Protein backbone atom coordinates (compact mmCIF):
# COMPACT_ATOMS: atom_id res chain seq x y z
CA UNK A 1 12.98 -34.41 22.55
CA UNK A 2 9.28 -33.76 22.04
CA UNK A 3 8.46 -32.90 18.39
CA UNK A 4 6.55 -29.76 19.43
CA UNK A 5 9.50 -28.53 21.50
CA UNK A 6 11.87 -29.30 18.63
CA UNK A 7 9.69 -27.39 16.14
CA UNK A 8 9.46 -24.46 18.56
CA UNK A 9 13.24 -24.38 18.91
CA UNK A 10 13.61 -24.45 15.12
CA UNK A 11 11.29 -21.43 14.82
CA UNK A 12 13.26 -19.54 17.47
CA UNK A 13 16.53 -20.31 15.68
CA UNK A 14 15.09 -19.26 12.30
CA UNK A 15 13.75 -15.99 13.76
CA UNK A 16 17.13 -15.32 15.36
CA UNK A 17 18.91 -15.96 12.06
CA UNK A 18 16.49 -13.68 10.22
CA UNK A 19 17.08 -10.86 12.70
CA UNK A 20 20.82 -11.43 12.51
CA UNK A 21 20.73 -11.33 8.72
CA UNK A 22 18.61 -8.19 8.71
CA UNK A 23 21.14 -6.47 10.94
CA UNK A 24 24.21 -7.33 8.88
CA UNK A 25 24.92 -7.27 5.19
CA UNK A 26 26.69 -10.36 3.95
CA UNK A 27 26.17 -12.63 0.98
CA UNK A 28 25.47 -15.75 3.07
CA UNK A 29 22.99 -13.86 5.23
CA UNK A 30 21.18 -12.50 2.19
CA UNK A 31 20.87 -16.01 0.72
CA UNK A 32 19.52 -17.37 3.99
CA UNK A 33 17.06 -14.49 4.26
CA UNK A 34 15.77 -15.19 0.72
CA UNK A 35 15.13 -18.80 1.69
CA UNK A 36 13.32 -18.23 4.99
CA UNK A 37 11.50 -14.95 4.37
CA UNK A 38 11.18 -13.86 0.74
CA UNK A 39 9.24 -10.62 1.39
CA UNK A 40 11.66 -9.46 4.07
CA UNK A 41 14.60 -10.19 1.76
CA UNK A 42 13.00 -8.14 -1.03
CA UNK A 43 12.36 -5.28 1.38
CA UNK A 44 15.98 -5.33 2.50
CA UNK A 45 17.14 -5.28 -1.12
CA UNK A 46 14.91 -2.29 -1.95
CA UNK A 47 15.52 -0.26 1.21
CA UNK A 48 18.79 -1.41 2.68
CA UNK A 49 18.97 -0.53 6.37
CA UNK A 50 15.55 0.10 7.87
CA UNK A 51 16.47 -0.04 11.54
CA UNK A 52 16.86 3.74 11.55
CA UNK A 53 15.47 6.65 9.50
CA UNK A 54 15.25 5.88 5.79
CA UNK A 55 14.06 8.46 3.21
CA UNK A 56 12.49 5.74 1.02
CA UNK A 57 10.40 4.61 3.99
CA UNK A 58 9.27 8.19 4.55
CA UNK A 59 8.22 8.37 0.88
CA UNK A 60 6.16 5.18 1.32
CA UNK A 61 4.55 6.60 4.45
CA UNK A 62 3.60 9.80 2.63
CA UNK A 63 1.98 7.84 -0.22
CA UNK A 64 0.10 5.58 2.20
CA UNK A 65 -1.16 8.56 4.18
CA UNK A 66 -2.19 10.48 1.04
CA UNK A 67 -4.30 7.58 -0.21
CA UNK A 68 -6.02 7.24 3.14
CA UNK A 69 -4.16 4.75 5.30
CA UNK A 70 -3.66 5.57 8.96
CA UNK A 71 -0.08 4.97 10.04
CA UNK A 72 0.73 7.37 12.83
CA UNK A 73 3.61 9.74 12.32
CA UNK A 74 5.55 10.02 9.08
CA UNK A 75 8.98 9.40 10.54
CA UNK A 76 10.86 7.34 7.95
CA UNK A 77 10.82 4.23 10.16
CA UNK A 78 9.03 0.95 9.48
CA UNK A 79 7.27 0.58 12.82
CA UNK A 80 4.18 -1.42 13.73
CA UNK A 81 1.72 1.29 12.56
CA UNK A 82 3.36 1.45 9.14
CA UNK A 83 3.38 -2.36 8.93
CA UNK A 84 -0.38 -2.45 9.68
CA UNK A 85 -1.02 0.24 7.05
CA UNK A 86 1.03 -1.79 4.56
CA UNK A 87 -1.03 -4.91 5.34
CA UNK A 88 -4.26 -2.98 4.75
CA UNK A 89 -2.86 -1.55 1.50
CA UNK A 90 -1.77 -5.00 0.33
CA UNK A 91 -5.17 -6.48 1.16
CA UNK A 92 -7.02 -3.64 -0.63
CA UNK A 93 -4.85 -3.89 -3.74
CA UNK A 94 -4.91 -7.70 -4.02
CA UNK A 95 -1.26 -8.16 -3.08
CA UNK A 96 0.34 -10.78 -0.85
CA UNK A 97 -0.45 -9.56 2.68
CA UNK A 98 2.80 -9.63 4.62
CA UNK A 99 3.32 -6.14 6.01
CA UNK A 100 6.67 -6.06 4.20
CA UNK A 101 7.42 -4.01 1.11
CA UNK A 102 8.16 -6.75 -1.37
CA UNK A 103 8.79 -6.11 -5.06
CA UNK A 104 5.10 -6.06 -6.09
CA UNK A 105 4.08 -3.80 -3.20
CA UNK A 106 6.93 -1.42 -4.06
CA UNK A 107 5.86 -1.36 -7.72
CA UNK A 108 2.23 -0.61 -6.78
CA UNK A 109 3.23 2.19 -4.40
CA UNK A 110 5.48 3.71 -7.06
CA UNK A 111 2.72 3.47 -9.66
CA UNK A 112 0.38 5.38 -7.38
CA UNK A 113 3.06 7.92 -6.47
CA UNK A 114 4.09 8.48 -10.09
CA UNK A 115 0.50 9.04 -11.19
CA UNK A 116 0.53 12.36 -9.32
CA UNK A 117 -3.03 11.66 -8.27
CA UNK A 118 -2.92 13.90 -5.26
CA UNK A 119 -1.86 17.51 -5.42
CA UNK A 120 -1.57 19.11 -1.98
CA UNK A 121 -4.44 16.94 -0.67
CA UNK A 122 -6.66 17.68 -3.68
CA UNK A 123 -7.50 14.89 -6.06
CA UNK A 124 -7.17 15.54 -9.81
CA UNK A 125 -10.62 15.42 -11.52
CA UNK A 126 -9.29 13.37 -14.48
CA UNK A 127 -8.04 10.78 -12.01
CA UNK A 128 -11.45 10.74 -10.29
CA UNK A 129 -13.17 10.24 -13.63
CA UNK A 130 -10.79 7.43 -14.61
CA UNK A 131 -11.30 5.68 -11.27
CA UNK A 132 -15.09 6.01 -11.63
CA UNK A 133 -14.93 4.52 -15.12
CA UNK A 134 -12.71 1.66 -13.92
CA UNK A 135 -15.15 1.02 -11.05
CA UNK A 136 -18.03 0.69 -13.52
CA UNK A 137 -19.64 4.13 -13.07
CA UNK A 138 -19.90 6.28 -16.22
CA UNK A 139 -18.51 9.78 -15.59
CA UNK A 140 -18.84 10.80 -19.23
CA UNK A 141 -15.73 12.09 -21.01
CA UNK A 142 -12.44 11.84 -19.11
CA UNK A 143 -11.79 15.56 -19.55
CA UNK A 144 -11.03 16.83 -16.03
CA UNK A 145 -14.27 18.81 -15.89
CA UNK A 146 -16.79 18.11 -13.15
CA UNK A 147 -20.08 17.98 -15.00
CA UNK A 148 -23.49 16.42 -14.41
CA UNK A 149 -22.38 12.91 -15.50
CA UNK A 150 -19.39 12.99 -13.17
CA UNK A 151 -21.59 14.19 -10.28
CA UNK A 152 -24.10 11.41 -10.95
CA UNK A 153 -21.32 8.79 -11.17
CA UNK A 154 -19.81 9.98 -7.85
CA UNK A 155 -23.21 9.85 -6.13
CA UNK A 156 -23.92 6.39 -7.57
CA UNK A 157 -20.51 5.17 -6.45
CA UNK A 158 -21.09 6.54 -2.95
CA UNK A 159 -24.49 4.88 -2.74
CA UNK A 160 -23.14 1.54 -3.96
CA UNK A 161 -20.34 1.63 -1.38
CA UNK A 162 -22.40 2.68 1.63
CA UNK A 163 -20.93 6.17 1.77
CA UNK A 164 -22.69 9.45 2.48
CA UNK A 165 -24.22 10.45 -0.86
CA UNK A 166 -23.21 14.07 -1.35
CA UNK A 167 -21.47 14.01 -4.74
CA UNK A 168 -18.23 15.23 -3.15
CA UNK A 169 -15.03 13.23 -3.43
CA UNK A 170 -13.72 13.73 0.06
CA UNK A 171 -11.36 11.57 2.04
CA UNK A 172 -13.79 8.68 2.69
CA UNK A 173 -14.98 8.54 -0.92
CA UNK A 174 -11.44 8.74 -2.27
CA UNK A 175 -10.30 5.98 0.09
CA UNK A 176 -12.79 3.69 -1.66
CA UNK A 177 -12.63 5.13 -5.17
CA UNK A 178 -8.83 5.44 -5.36
CA UNK A 179 -8.53 1.65 -5.31
CA UNK A 180 -9.98 1.60 -8.83
CA UNK A 181 -7.57 4.09 -10.34
CA UNK A 182 -5.31 1.39 -11.74
CA UNK A 183 -7.75 -1.52 -11.75
CA UNK A 184 -10.91 -2.20 -13.69
CA UNK A 185 -13.79 -3.94 -12.00
CA UNK A 186 -14.34 -7.43 -13.42
C-alpha cells in the first residue's frame, strides 16, 4: 500500500474514532479522545454533550458577543460561527488556537464573565480605566470617573490603534481595549 494512502486511511480512522468517542460516553473513548485530540477532550469534559442545545455554550456565546466577537445567533450550539469566534478570541488572548473550549480558554472566558465588565451593553468606567492603564495609556486615578486624563488616554489609545479618535469607548474601541483588561502590555 502506498504510504500516502496508508496515512490518509489512518487519518480517516482517527477522525471516525474521535467522532464516535464524542458521541458516546465511555472510559475507553475518553482516554482515546485525550490521546488524539486534547482540546476536544477538555471541551467534552467541561461541557458534556454539545451535539444539541447546551446552556454553558449559550453562556460562552453571550460572553463572546458582549466582548465584540461575531458568531451569528446565540443558540447554545457550538456551530461553525461559534468555532470561528472562539479561534479569533484565542488568537487575540494569546491562547492555543483550536476553536475548541479547552481548559485555558474556559478559564479566560470565565475570568472575563466574572469581571462583570459589561452591564447591559455599557462598559464600566473603572474597567475602561484599568484596561487603558494595562495598555500603557495613563487614565489618571482608577476611580470610575471620566475626567480629562481618561478622555486623553482614550483618544491616545484610539490614535495608536488606528481607530476613529473621538474619545468615546464604543464597540470598536472596546473590542481593541478590552483585550488589555486582564493583561499588561510588555
